[in-house]
Amino acid sequence: MLTCDLHIHTNYSRDGESSIEDIIRRAEIIGLDAIAITDHDTIEGARAALKISTNVIIIPGIEISTKQGHLIALGTLTEFPKGLDVLETIAIAHEQGALLILPHPFHMLRHGVALHFRRALSSVDAIEVFNSRYIVGAANRKAAKFAIKLGKPCVGGSDAHNARYVGYGKTLVNAEPGITSILEAIRNGDSIATGRMTPLRTYTRQSLRNTWKRLKRRVYHK
């Protein structure tokens, strides 16, 4: 079994705090086999990570802002238009061969697609049923319930925005080392989600800071 963190943000994301180098170093220290770089609406972080020499498998990815919320595409170095309908985005990304995950689908404050459009749960390849950035686990449990009901593969991710929290959410994948074999195993349901919660004080601090940044952007653009 390979131990993977499939949802990580670097400072290429507008709310990321750590460099690619620090992210990869942390993954090496804690013994992860693979990590996915999934910055918001950019693949530049993934491109940078692929240039670094490491024993950790780097899965390129992106967290796309769709009309209904966030969508993760793995195994791609393509940037997708923001703000499209989620089903349209899924169709475009599937044409590119990406594996699609619905992250934190029932999180009210973090653009959970399934809160507004549950049909998307049936259209992706896997559902993130463990996200470490929750105060309580109700939304994770709800995601797991729907994944089981729909027969969808389950994955976990830290959603780390700082290197110290890489690996707090994990996916155990029954696959040979390599991007293609990992993604294929996930498609086939050979994955298990697990992990532990990000400390409450850190989650709260990051949430408040990101809210303040959004408010400043709105004021600036008025």
Protein backbone atom coordinates (compact mmCIF):
# COMPACT_ATOMS: atom_id res chain seq x y z
CA MET A 1 0.00 0.00 0.00
CA LEU A 2 1.22 3.48 -0.88
CA THR A 3 0.54 6.37 1.50
CA CYS A 4 -0.53 9.49 -0.37
CA ASP A 5 -1.77 12.98 0.43
CA LEU A 6 -3.94 14.00 -2.52
CA HIS A 7 -4.86 17.58 -1.55
CA ILE A 8 -2.02 20.04 -0.84
CA HIS A 9 -1.64 23.77 -1.44
CA THR A 10 1.64 25.66 -1.82
CA ASN A 11 2.39 29.38 -1.92
CA TYR A 12 1.36 29.30 -5.56
CA SER A 13 -2.17 29.32 -4.14
CA ARG A 14 -3.37 32.75 -3.00
CA ASP A 15 -3.91 31.34 0.51
CA GLY A 16 -0.94 28.94 0.63
CA GLU A 17 1.85 29.57 3.11
CA SER A 18 4.72 27.20 2.28
CA SER A 19 7.13 26.77 -0.61
CA ILE A 20 7.24 23.74 -2.85
CA GLU A 21 10.59 22.81 -1.32
CA ASP A 22 9.17 22.86 2.22
CA ILE A 23 6.12 20.83 1.18
CA ILE A 24 8.26 18.13 -0.42
CA ARG A 25 10.75 18.10 2.47
CA ARG A 26 7.88 17.55 4.92
CA ALA A 27 6.49 14.72 2.80
CA GLU A 28 9.92 13.07 2.81
CA ILE A 29 10.31 13.44 6.58
CA ILE A 30 6.97 11.82 7.42
CA GLY A 31 7.44 9.04 4.88
CA LEU A 32 4.74 9.73 2.31
CA ASP A 33 5.04 7.81 -0.94
CA ALA A 34 3.17 10.36 -3.06
CA ILE A 35 1.66 13.83 -2.84
CA ALA A 36 -0.65 15.75 -5.15
CA ILE A 37 -0.06 19.47 -5.61
CA THR A 38 -3.51 21.00 -6.05
CA ASP A 39 -3.17 24.77 -5.96
CA HIS A 40 -6.20 26.96 -6.59
CA ASP A 41 -6.75 27.54 -10.33
CA THR A 42 -3.08 27.21 -11.27
CA ILE A 43 -0.76 24.36 -12.20
CA GLU A 44 2.41 26.41 -11.68
CA GLY A 45 3.00 24.86 -8.26
CA ALA A 46 2.71 21.38 -9.74
CA ARG A 47 5.10 22.31 -12.57
CA ALA A 48 7.64 23.59 -10.04
CA ALA A 49 7.30 20.47 -7.89
CA LEU A 50 7.98 18.14 -10.83
CA LYS A 51 11.37 19.81 -11.32
CA ILE A 52 12.58 18.93 -7.82
CA SER A 53 14.60 15.76 -7.27
CA THR A 54 12.84 13.62 -4.65
CA ASN A 55 11.85 10.04 -3.91
CA VAL A 56 8.29 11.22 -3.28
CA ILE A 57 6.00 10.73 -6.30
CA ILE A 58 4.62 14.11 -7.37
CA ILE A 59 1.12 13.94 -8.82
CA PRO A 60 0.34 17.15 -10.73
CA GLY A 61 -3.08 18.60 -10.10
CA ILE A 62 -5.25 21.65 -9.67
CA GLU A 63 -8.24 22.69 -7.55
CA ILE A 64 -10.66 24.32 -9.97
CA SER A 65 -13.19 26.99 -8.96
CA THR A 66 -16.40 26.02 -10.73
CA LYS A 67 -19.73 27.82 -10.65
CA GLN A 68 -20.99 25.54 -7.88
CA GLY A 69 -17.75 25.08 -5.93
CA HIS A 70 -14.37 23.37 -5.92
CA LEU A 71 -13.25 20.40 -8.01
CA ILE A 72 -9.85 18.66 -7.96
CA ALA A 73 -8.29 17.33 -11.17
CA LEU A 74 -5.28 15.01 -10.80
CA GLY A 75 -2.79 13.79 -13.37
CA THR A 76 -2.98 16.95 -15.45
CA LEU A 77 -0.91 20.03 -16.20
CA THR A 78 -3.84 21.79 -17.83
CA GLU A 79 -5.45 24.93 -16.39
CA PHE A 80 -9.21 25.05 -16.75
CA PRO A 81 -11.47 28.11 -16.99
CA LYS A 82 -12.86 29.35 -13.69
CA GLY A 83 -16.57 29.79 -13.11
CA LEU A 84 -17.94 27.20 -15.52
CA ASP A 85 -20.75 24.86 -14.50
CA VAL A 86 -19.24 21.97 -12.56
CA LEU A 87 -20.59 19.34 -14.97
CA GLU A 88 -19.11 21.23 -17.91
CA THR A 89 -15.77 21.42 -16.11
CA ILE A 90 -15.91 17.70 -15.33
CA ALA A 91 -16.54 16.90 -18.99
CA ILE A 92 -13.64 19.10 -20.15
CA ALA A 93 -11.23 17.67 -17.59
CA HIS A 94 -12.25 14.09 -18.39
CA GLU A 95 -11.45 14.78 -22.04
CA GLN A 96 -7.93 15.66 -20.86
CA GLY A 97 -7.67 12.32 -19.05
CA ALA A 98 -7.72 13.80 -15.54
CA LEU A 99 -8.96 11.94 -12.48
CA LEU A 100 -11.62 14.07 -10.80
CA ILE A 101 -12.26 14.30 -7.08
CA LEU A 102 -14.98 16.28 -5.32
CA PRO A 103 -13.19 17.80 -2.29
CA HIS A 104 -14.93 18.75 0.98
CA PRO A 105 -18.27 18.34 -0.86
CA PHE A 106 -20.48 19.27 2.10
CA HIS A 107 -18.42 22.05 3.70
CA MET A 108 -20.57 25.17 3.97
CA LEU A 109 -17.74 27.73 4.08
CA ARG A 110 -15.30 26.14 1.64
CA HIS A 111 -17.20 25.93 -1.64
CA GLY A 112 -18.59 22.42 -1.24
CA VAL A 113 -20.25 21.55 -4.55
CA ALA A 114 -22.65 18.95 -3.13
CA LEU A 115 -24.33 21.53 -0.90
CA HIS A 116 -25.89 23.05 -4.01
CA PHE A 117 -25.60 20.36 -6.68
CA ARG A 118 -25.53 16.75 -5.57
CA ARG A 119 -25.57 15.44 -9.13
CA ALA A 120 -21.85 16.20 -9.28
CA LEU A 121 -21.21 13.40 -6.77
CA SER A 122 -22.21 10.88 -9.43
CA SER A 123 -20.07 12.48 -12.15
CA VAL A 124 -16.62 12.49 -10.52
CA ASP A 125 -14.21 9.57 -10.23
CA ALA A 126 -13.80 9.75 -6.44
CA ILE A 127 -15.09 11.62 -3.40
CA GLU A 128 -12.93 13.14 -0.68
CA VAL A 129 -14.39 11.58 2.46
CA PHE A 130 -11.62 12.72 4.80
CA ASN A 131 -10.46 16.33 4.80
CA SER A 132 -8.35 17.29 7.79
CA ARG A 133 -9.50 20.93 7.90
CA TYR A 134 -12.78 20.43 9.77
CA ILE A 135 -13.74 21.55 13.25
CA VAL A 136 -16.02 18.50 13.55
CA GLY A 137 -16.29 15.44 11.36
CA ALA A 138 -19.96 15.61 10.34
CA ALA A 139 -19.26 16.79 6.78
CA ASN A 140 -16.65 14.05 6.29
CA ARG A 141 -19.13 11.44 7.51
CA LYS A 142 -21.80 12.78 5.17
CA ALA A 143 -19.37 12.61 2.23
CA ALA A 144 -18.51 9.00 3.15
CA LYS A 145 -22.19 8.10 3.34
CA PHE A 146 -22.82 9.38 -0.18
CA ALA A 147 -19.65 7.76 -1.54
CA ILE A 148 -20.78 4.38 -0.24
CA LYS A 149 -24.33 4.91 -1.53
CA LEU A 150 -23.07 5.82 -5.01
CA GLY A 151 -20.30 3.22 -5.07
CA LYS A 152 -17.62 5.88 -5.50
CA PRO A 153 -13.96 5.44 -4.50
CA CYS A 154 -13.03 7.20 -1.25
CA VAL A 155 -9.94 9.37 -0.83
CA GLY A 156 -8.46 11.58 1.87
CA GLY A 157 -6.34 14.70 1.83
CA SER A 158 -4.89 17.15 4.29
CA ASP A 159 -5.95 20.23 2.32
CA ALA A 160 -2.74 21.57 3.88
CA HIS A 161 -1.99 25.24 3.35
CA ASN A 162 1.17 24.98 5.44
CA ALA A 163 3.87 22.32 5.17
CA ARG A 164 3.56 21.24 8.80
CA TYR A 165 0.10 19.79 8.09
CA VAL A 166 1.03 17.73 5.05
CA GLY A 167 -0.07 14.14 5.68
CA TYR A 168 -2.80 15.00 8.18
CA GLY A 169 -5.21 13.59 5.59
CA LYS A 170 -4.11 10.50 3.68
CA THR A 171 -5.16 8.01 1.05
CA LEU A 172 -3.82 4.47 1.22
CA VAL A 173 -3.63 3.14 -2.33
CA ASN A 174 -3.05 -0.45 -3.39
CA ALA A 175 -0.82 0.31 -6.37
CA GLU A 176 2.67 0.11 -7.75
CA PRO A 177 4.74 3.31 -7.37
CA GLY A 178 3.93 5.70 -10.20
CA ILE A 179 1.39 8.34 -11.14
CA THR A 180 -0.51 6.22 -13.66
CA SER A 181 -0.82 3.18 -11.42
CA ILE A 182 -1.91 5.30 -8.41
CA LEU A 183 -4.62 7.10 -10.36
CA GLU A 184 -5.84 3.88 -11.96
CA ALA A 185 -6.04 2.17 -8.56
CA ILE A 186 -8.12 5.05 -7.21
CA ARG A 187 -10.48 4.79 -10.20
CA ASN A 188 -10.86 1.10 -9.41
CA GLY A 189 -11.67 1.78 -5.77
CA ASP A 190 -8.41 0.37 -4.38
CA SER A 191 -8.06 3.22 -1.89
CA ILE A 192 -8.77 3.93 1.76
CA ALA A 193 -9.15 7.39 3.33
CA THR A 194 -7.68 8.11 6.75
CA GLY A 195 -6.03 10.85 8.80
CA ARG A 196 -6.33 13.24 11.73
CA MET A 197 -7.75 16.72 12.13
CA THR A 198 -5.76 19.91 11.67
CA PRO A 199 -5.47 21.63 15.10
CA LEU A 200 -8.47 23.88 15.76
CA ARG A 201 -6.37 26.99 16.47
CA THR A 202 -4.59 26.65 13.12
CA TYR A 203 -7.78 26.05 11.16
CA THR A 204 -9.42 29.07 12.83
CA ARG A 205 -6.40 31.31 12.24
CA GLN A 206 -6.19 30.39 8.57
CA SER A 207 -9.94 30.81 8.06
CA LEU A 208 -9.98 34.25 9.65
CA ARG A 209 -6.97 35.38 7.63
CA ASN A 210 -8.51 34.15 4.37
CA THR A 211 -11.81 35.88 5.18
CA TRP A 212 -9.93 39.13 5.80
CA LYS A 213 -8.09 38.77 2.47
CA ARG A 214 -11.38 38.27 0.62
CA LEU A 215 -12.90 41.32 2.28
CA LYS A 216 -9.90 43.44 1.31
CA ARG A 217 -10.11 42.27 -2.30
CA ARG A 218 -13.79 43.20 -2.44
CA VAL A 219 -13.12 46.67 -1.03
CA TYR A 220 -10.21 47.17 -3.42
CA HIS A 221 -12.26 46.23 -6.49
CA LYS A 222 -15.23 48.46 -5.63
